[in-house]
Amino acid sequence: MLLRRSEMTSYQAAGTRRRVEYGADSHVEVDASGRHYRVVVEGRLVSRDFTSFAPNWRGDAWLAYARDGGTLSYPAPDGWTEPTKLKAVALTQEGEGAAVPVRLEGGQVRFDAAPATPYRVTYAAPNTAPR
């Protein structure tokens, strides 16, 4: 999924920085000195510095995670323009947990995440309720 089965097309190293490319619009960048990294897939940022925001395998939701918690802020998927259609829920071992307030600000999906807690973020299609 995401970069699975993608062929590495380029590798660059400069000091403590590394960049691996998987075609024109997908890459992984790492700066070992500051423990920073970014993963971009098909032009979309999906992970950085121990956080992630990526589509689920069914394509009907996005999954978010922040190892240390805090405010998650990632580019909104295409077509996500109405804040009232967003829903974010914590995921637990028992299933869906509590809903958390989620915002759409400046083209970014933003919400406060608890440490080490996965979330499912959905966007309701016109005339339907969020899942």
N, C-alpha and C. Protein backbone atom coordinates (compact mmCIF):
# COMPACT_ATOMS: atom_id res chain seq x y z
N MET A 1 0.85 -1.16 0.00
CA MET A 1 0.00 0.00 0.00
C MET A 1 0.91 1.23 0.00
N LEU A 2 0.45 2.31 -0.52
CA LEU A 2 1.20 3.55 -0.68
C LEU A 2 2.47 3.32 -1.50
N LEU A 3 3.59 3.00 -0.90
CA LEU A 3 4.81 2.78 -1.67
C LEU A 3 5.11 1.30 -1.91
N ARG A 4 4.25 0.45 -1.43
CA ARG A 4 4.45 -0.99 -1.61
C ARG A 4 4.56 -1.31 -3.10
N ARG A 5 5.53 -2.10 -3.43
CA ARG A 5 5.82 -2.53 -4.79
C ARG A 5 6.27 -1.40 -5.70
N SER A 6 6.59 -0.24 -5.12
CA SER A 6 7.13 0.86 -5.90
C SER A 6 8.63 0.64 -6.07
N GLU A 7 9.11 0.93 -7.24
CA GLU A 7 10.53 0.75 -7.51
C GLU A 7 11.30 2.03 -7.19
N MET A 8 12.39 1.88 -6.48
CA MET A 8 13.24 3.02 -6.17
C MET A 8 13.87 3.51 -7.47
N THR A 9 13.77 4.82 -7.71
CA THR A 9 14.31 5.38 -8.95
C THR A 9 15.52 6.27 -8.71
N SER A 10 15.73 6.68 -7.45
CA SER A 10 16.87 7.56 -7.17
C SER A 10 17.18 7.51 -5.68
N TYR A 11 18.46 7.68 -5.36
CA TYR A 11 18.90 7.78 -3.97
C TYR A 11 19.94 8.89 -3.89
N GLN A 12 19.75 9.80 -2.94
CA GLN A 12 20.71 10.88 -2.74
C GLN A 12 21.07 10.96 -1.27
N ALA A 13 22.34 11.27 -1.01
CA ALA A 13 22.80 11.43 0.37
C ALA A 13 23.68 12.68 0.43
N ALA A 14 23.44 13.48 1.48
CA ALA A 14 24.26 14.67 1.72
C ALA A 14 24.32 14.89 3.22
N GLY A 15 25.47 14.65 3.80
CA GLY A 15 25.60 14.78 5.26
C GLY A 15 24.67 13.81 5.96
N THR A 16 23.80 14.32 6.82
CA THR A 16 22.88 13.46 7.57
C THR A 16 21.53 13.31 6.86
N ARG A 17 21.41 13.88 5.67
CA ARG A 17 20.15 13.82 4.92
C ARG A 17 20.19 12.72 3.86
N ARG A 18 19.06 12.06 3.72
CA ARG A 18 18.89 11.02 2.70
C ARG A 18 17.56 11.25 2.00
N ARG A 19 17.51 10.96 0.71
CA ARG A 19 16.27 11.05 -0.05
C ARG A 19 16.21 9.86 -1.00
N VAL A 20 15.12 9.13 -0.92
CA VAL A 20 14.87 8.00 -1.81
C VAL A 20 13.64 8.36 -2.63
N GLU A 21 13.77 8.28 -3.96
CA GLU A 21 12.65 8.61 -4.83
C GLU A 21 12.05 7.35 -5.43
N TYR A 22 10.75 7.40 -5.61
CA TYR A 22 9.99 6.31 -6.20
C TYR A 22 9.17 6.90 -7.34
N GLY A 23 9.84 7.36 -8.39
CA GLY A 23 9.16 8.05 -9.48
C GLY A 23 9.17 9.54 -9.24
N ALA A 24 8.45 10.27 -10.10
CA ALA A 24 8.52 11.73 -10.08
C ALA A 24 7.88 12.36 -8.84
N ASP A 25 6.81 11.78 -8.30
CA ASP A 25 6.05 12.45 -7.24
C ASP A 25 6.00 11.71 -5.92
N SER A 26 6.86 10.72 -5.72
CA SER A 26 6.86 9.97 -4.47
C SER A 26 8.29 9.86 -3.94
N HIS A 27 8.46 10.16 -2.64
CA HIS A 27 9.79 10.08 -2.07
C HIS A 27 9.73 9.99 -0.54
N VAL A 28 10.85 9.59 0.02
CA VAL A 28 11.05 9.59 1.47
C VAL A 28 12.30 10.41 1.73
N GLU A 29 12.18 11.39 2.64
CA GLU A 29 13.32 12.21 3.02
C GLU A 29 13.56 12.02 4.51
N VAL A 30 14.83 11.85 4.87
CA VAL A 30 15.20 11.65 6.28
C VAL A 30 16.36 12.56 6.61
N ASP A 31 16.28 13.21 7.77
CA ASP A 31 17.41 13.97 8.31
C ASP A 31 17.71 13.34 9.67
N ALA A 32 18.71 12.49 9.71
CA ALA A 32 19.03 11.73 10.92
C ALA A 32 19.49 12.62 12.06
N SER A 33 20.06 13.78 11.76
CA SER A 33 20.58 14.63 12.83
C SER A 33 19.46 15.19 13.70
N GLY A 34 18.32 15.47 13.11
CA GLY A 34 17.21 16.04 13.88
C GLY A 34 16.05 15.08 14.05
N ARG A 35 16.25 13.85 13.64
CA ARG A 35 15.19 12.84 13.70
C ARG A 35 13.92 13.33 13.00
N HIS A 36 14.09 13.88 11.80
CA HIS A 36 12.97 14.36 11.01
C HIS A 36 12.85 13.51 9.75
N TYR A 37 11.61 13.31 9.31
CA TYR A 37 11.39 12.63 8.04
C TYR A 37 10.08 13.08 7.43
N ARG A 38 9.95 12.87 6.13
CA ARG A 38 8.73 13.15 5.37
C ARG A 38 8.53 12.05 4.35
N VAL A 39 7.29 11.62 4.16
CA VAL A 39 6.94 10.66 3.14
C VAL A 39 5.88 11.30 2.25
N VAL A 40 6.17 11.38 0.97
CA VAL A 40 5.25 11.95 -0.02
C VAL A 40 4.93 10.86 -1.03
N VAL A 41 3.63 10.63 -1.25
CA VAL A 41 3.19 9.60 -2.19
C VAL A 41 2.29 10.27 -3.23
N GLU A 42 2.69 10.15 -4.48
CA GLU A 42 1.94 10.74 -5.60
C GLU A 42 1.65 12.22 -5.34
N GLY A 43 2.66 12.93 -4.84
CA GLY A 43 2.55 14.36 -4.60
C GLY A 43 1.88 14.76 -3.31
N ARG A 44 1.40 13.81 -2.52
CA ARG A 44 0.67 14.12 -1.28
C ARG A 44 1.49 13.70 -0.07
N LEU A 45 1.68 14.66 0.86
CA LEU A 45 2.35 14.36 2.13
C LEU A 45 1.47 13.40 2.93
N VAL A 46 2.01 12.25 3.32
CA VAL A 46 1.24 11.27 4.10
C VAL A 46 1.86 10.96 5.46
N SER A 47 3.10 11.39 5.67
CA SER A 47 3.73 11.12 6.97
C SER A 47 4.88 12.08 7.18
N ARG A 48 5.02 12.52 8.46
CA ARG A 48 6.17 13.35 8.83
C ARG A 48 6.36 13.27 10.34
N ASP A 49 7.59 13.16 10.73
CA ASP A 49 8.00 13.24 12.13
C ASP A 49 7.05 12.51 13.09
N PHE A 50 6.85 11.24 12.87
CA PHE A 50 6.09 10.36 13.76
C PHE A 50 4.60 10.67 13.79
N THR A 51 4.09 11.25 12.69
CA THR A 51 2.66 11.43 12.47
C THR A 51 2.33 10.91 11.08
N SER A 52 1.04 10.61 10.86
CA SER A 52 0.64 10.18 9.52
C SER A 52 -0.81 10.54 9.25
N PHE A 53 -1.13 10.68 7.97
CA PHE A 53 -2.49 10.92 7.50
C PHE A 53 -2.54 10.33 6.10
N ALA A 54 -3.14 9.15 5.99
CA ALA A 54 -3.11 8.41 4.73
C ALA A 54 -4.45 7.72 4.49
N PRO A 55 -4.79 7.47 3.22
CA PRO A 55 -6.06 6.80 2.94
C PRO A 55 -6.05 5.36 3.43
N ASN A 56 -7.23 4.90 3.86
CA ASN A 56 -7.33 3.49 4.23
C ASN A 56 -7.38 2.65 2.96
N TRP A 57 -7.28 1.36 3.09
CA TRP A 57 -7.19 0.49 1.92
C TRP A 57 -8.48 0.45 1.13
N ARG A 58 -9.62 0.77 1.76
CA ARG A 58 -10.90 0.78 1.03
C ARG A 58 -11.12 2.09 0.29
N GLY A 59 -10.39 3.14 0.67
CA GLY A 59 -10.55 4.43 0.03
C GLY A 59 -11.76 5.22 0.51
N ASP A 60 -12.38 4.80 1.62
CA ASP A 60 -13.57 5.50 2.11
C ASP A 60 -13.29 6.34 3.35
N ALA A 61 -12.03 6.39 3.79
CA ALA A 61 -11.66 7.17 4.97
C ALA A 61 -10.15 7.37 4.94
N TRP A 62 -9.70 8.26 5.81
CA TRP A 62 -8.27 8.49 6.00
C TRP A 62 -7.94 8.11 7.43
N LEU A 63 -6.75 7.57 7.64
CA LEU A 63 -6.31 7.17 8.97
C LEU A 63 -5.21 8.12 9.42
N ALA A 64 -5.32 8.56 10.67
CA ALA A 64 -4.38 9.52 11.22
C ALA A 64 -3.78 8.98 12.51
N TYR A 65 -2.56 9.43 12.79
CA TYR A 65 -1.85 8.96 13.98
C TYR A 65 -0.77 9.96 14.33
N ALA A 66 -0.57 10.17 15.63
CA ALA A 66 0.52 11.01 16.11
C ALA A 66 1.14 10.32 17.33
N ARG A 67 2.34 9.82 17.19
CA ARG A 67 2.99 9.09 18.27
C ARG A 67 2.98 9.88 19.58
N ASP A 68 3.29 11.16 19.49
CA ASP A 68 3.40 11.99 20.70
C ASP A 68 2.16 12.84 20.96
N GLY A 69 1.14 12.72 20.11
CA GLY A 69 -0.05 13.54 20.26
C GLY A 69 0.20 14.96 19.80
N GLY A 70 -0.80 15.81 19.96
CA GLY A 70 -0.70 17.21 19.55
C GLY A 70 -1.61 17.48 18.38
N THR A 71 -1.48 18.66 17.82
CA THR A 71 -2.33 19.04 16.69
C THR A 71 -1.80 18.44 15.41
N LEU A 72 -2.62 17.63 14.77
CA LEU A 72 -2.29 17.10 13.45
C LEU A 72 -2.77 18.09 12.41
N SER A 73 -1.97 18.34 11.40
CA SER A 73 -2.34 19.24 10.32
C SER A 73 -1.76 18.68 9.03
N TYR A 74 -2.64 18.25 8.13
CA TYR A 74 -2.24 17.67 6.85
C TYR A 74 -3.10 18.25 5.74
N PRO A 75 -2.55 18.29 4.51
CA PRO A 75 -3.36 18.77 3.39
C PRO A 75 -4.65 17.97 3.26
N ALA A 76 -5.76 18.68 3.06
CA ALA A 76 -7.05 18.02 2.89
C ALA A 76 -7.07 17.26 1.57
N PRO A 77 -7.66 16.07 1.56
CA PRO A 77 -7.82 15.34 0.30
C PRO A 77 -8.65 16.16 -0.71
N ASP A 78 -8.46 15.88 -1.96
CA ASP A 78 -9.20 16.57 -3.02
C ASP A 78 -10.70 16.48 -2.75
N GLY A 79 -11.39 17.60 -2.90
CA GLY A 79 -12.84 17.63 -2.74
C GLY A 79 -13.32 17.87 -1.33
N TRP A 80 -12.42 17.86 -0.36
CA TRP A 80 -12.81 18.12 1.03
C TRP A 80 -12.80 19.63 1.24
N THR A 81 -13.96 20.25 1.08
CA THR A 81 -14.06 21.70 1.14
C THR A 81 -15.04 22.20 2.19
N GLU A 82 -15.91 21.35 2.69
CA GLU A 82 -16.94 21.74 3.66
C GLU A 82 -16.62 21.20 5.05
N PRO A 83 -16.26 22.06 5.98
CA PRO A 83 -15.89 21.60 7.32
C PRO A 83 -16.99 20.80 8.02
N THR A 84 -18.25 21.11 7.74
CA THR A 84 -19.36 20.42 8.43
C THR A 84 -19.49 18.96 8.00
N LYS A 85 -18.81 18.57 6.93
CA LYS A 85 -18.88 17.20 6.46
C LYS A 85 -17.76 16.31 7.00
N LEU A 86 -16.88 16.90 7.81
CA LEU A 86 -15.76 16.15 8.39
C LEU A 86 -16.17 15.48 9.69
N LYS A 87 -15.62 14.30 9.90
CA LYS A 87 -15.81 13.60 11.17
C LYS A 87 -14.51 12.85 11.48
N ALA A 88 -14.07 12.94 12.71
CA ALA A 88 -12.89 12.19 13.16
C ALA A 88 -13.25 11.43 14.42
N VAL A 89 -12.92 10.15 14.46
CA VAL A 89 -13.18 9.33 15.65
C VAL A 89 -11.91 8.57 16.02
N ALA A 90 -11.71 8.44 17.32
CA ALA A 90 -10.59 7.63 17.81
C ALA A 90 -10.93 6.17 17.54
N LEU A 91 -9.93 5.37 17.28
CA LEU A 91 -10.11 3.93 17.10
C LEU A 91 -9.51 3.21 18.29
N THR A 92 -10.25 2.26 18.84
CA THR A 92 -9.81 1.53 20.02
C THR A 92 -9.78 0.04 19.71
N GLN A 93 -9.31 -0.76 20.64
CA GLN A 93 -9.32 -2.20 20.45
C GLN A 93 -10.74 -2.74 20.36
N GLU A 94 -11.69 -2.02 20.93
CA GLU A 94 -13.08 -2.44 20.91
C GLU A 94 -13.82 -1.91 19.67
N GLY A 95 -13.18 -1.06 18.88
CA GLY A 95 -13.81 -0.47 17.70
C GLY A 95 -13.79 1.04 17.75
N GLU A 96 -14.84 1.64 17.21
CA GLU A 96 -14.91 3.10 17.14
C GLU A 96 -15.04 3.69 18.53
N GLY A 97 -14.23 4.71 18.81
CA GLY A 97 -14.27 5.38 20.10
C GLY A 97 -14.93 6.74 19.99
N ALA A 98 -14.47 7.66 20.79
CA ALA A 98 -15.07 9.00 20.87
C ALA A 98 -14.75 9.83 19.63
N ALA A 99 -15.72 10.65 19.24
CA ALA A 99 -15.49 11.63 18.18
C ALA A 99 -14.64 12.77 18.73
N VAL A 100 -13.84 13.36 17.87
CA VAL A 100 -13.03 14.51 18.26
C VAL A 100 -13.33 15.65 17.29
N PRO A 101 -13.30 16.89 17.78
CA PRO A 101 -13.53 18.02 16.88
C PRO A 101 -12.45 18.07 15.81
N VAL A 102 -12.88 18.26 14.57
CA VAL A 102 -11.95 18.34 13.44
C VAL A 102 -12.28 19.60 12.65
N ARG A 103 -11.22 20.26 12.16
CA ARG A 103 -11.38 21.52 11.45
C ARG A 103 -10.79 21.42 10.04
N LEU A 104 -11.27 22.28 9.19
CA LEU A 104 -10.70 22.46 7.86
C LEU A 104 -10.28 23.91 7.78
N GLU A 105 -8.98 24.14 7.81
CA GLU A 105 -8.44 25.50 7.86
C GLU A 105 -7.35 25.67 6.82
N GLY A 106 -7.57 26.60 5.90
CA GLY A 106 -6.55 26.88 4.89
C GLY A 106 -6.16 25.66 4.09
N GLY A 107 -7.13 24.81 3.77
CA GLY A 107 -6.85 23.61 2.99
C GLY A 107 -6.21 22.49 3.79
N GLN A 108 -6.17 22.63 5.10
CA GLN A 108 -5.58 21.61 5.98
C GLN A 108 -6.65 20.98 6.86
N VAL A 109 -6.59 19.66 7.01
CA VAL A 109 -7.41 18.96 8.00
C VAL A 109 -6.64 19.06 9.30
N ARG A 110 -7.30 19.57 10.35
CA ARG A 110 -6.61 19.79 11.63
C ARG A 110 -7.46 19.27 12.78
N PHE A 111 -6.81 18.58 13.71
CA PHE A 111 -7.47 18.20 14.97
C PHE A 111 -6.41 17.84 15.99
N ASP A 112 -6.83 17.88 17.24
CA ASP A 112 -5.93 17.55 18.35
C ASP A 112 -6.01 16.06 18.61
N ALA A 113 -4.86 15.41 18.54
CA ALA A 113 -4.77 13.96 18.69
C ALA A 113 -4.13 13.60 20.02
N ALA A 114 -4.67 12.59 20.66
CA ALA A 114 -4.05 12.04 21.86
C ALA A 114 -2.82 11.23 21.45
N PRO A 115 -1.84 11.09 22.32
CA PRO A 115 -0.65 10.30 21.98
C PRO A 115 -1.01 8.85 21.64
N ALA A 116 -0.34 8.32 20.62
CA ALA A 116 -0.42 6.90 20.25
C ALA A 116 -1.85 6.40 20.07
N THR A 117 -2.71 7.24 19.52
CA THR A 117 -4.10 6.87 19.29
C THR A 117 -4.41 7.00 17.80
N PRO A 118 -4.87 5.94 17.16
CA PRO A 118 -5.26 6.06 15.75
C PRO A 118 -6.64 6.69 15.62
N TYR A 119 -6.86 7.37 14.50
CA TYR A 119 -8.14 8.03 14.21
C TYR A 119 -8.57 7.69 12.79
N ARG A 120 -9.89 7.64 12.60
CA ARG A 120 -10.45 7.53 11.26
C ARG A 120 -11.12 8.88 10.96
N VAL A 121 -10.77 9.45 9.81
CA VAL A 121 -11.33 10.74 9.40
C VAL A 121 -12.12 10.49 8.12
N THR A 122 -13.39 10.92 8.13
CA THR A 122 -14.26 10.73 6.97
C THR A 122 -14.83 12.06 6.52
N TYR A 123 -15.27 12.06 5.28
CA TYR A 123 -15.92 13.23 4.68
C TYR A 123 -17.21 12.74 4.06
N ALA A 124 -18.32 13.29 4.49
CA ALA A 124 -19.62 12.85 4.01
C ALA A 124 -19.86 13.33 2.58
N ALA A 125 -20.35 12.43 1.76
CA ALA A 125 -20.76 12.80 0.40
C ALA A 125 -22.02 13.65 0.50
N PRO A 126 -22.36 14.42 -0.53
CA PRO A 126 -23.58 15.24 -0.47
C PRO A 126 -24.80 14.40 -0.09
N ASN A 127 -25.61 14.96 0.80
CA ASN A 127 -26.87 14.34 1.23
C ASN A 127 -26.69 13.03 2.00
N THR A 128 -25.54 12.83 2.61
CA THR A 128 -25.34 11.65 3.43
C THR A 128 -24.71 12.06 4.75
N ALA A 129 -24.87 11.23 5.74
CA ALA A 129 -24.26 11.50 7.04
C ALA A 129 -22.86 10.92 7.08
N PRO A 130 -21.96 11.55 7.82
CA PRO A 130 -20.61 10.98 7.96
C PRO A 130 -20.68 9.64 8.67
N ARG A 131 -19.72 8.78 8.32
CA ARG A 131 -19.65 7.48 8.99
C ARG A 131 -18.88 7.61 10.27
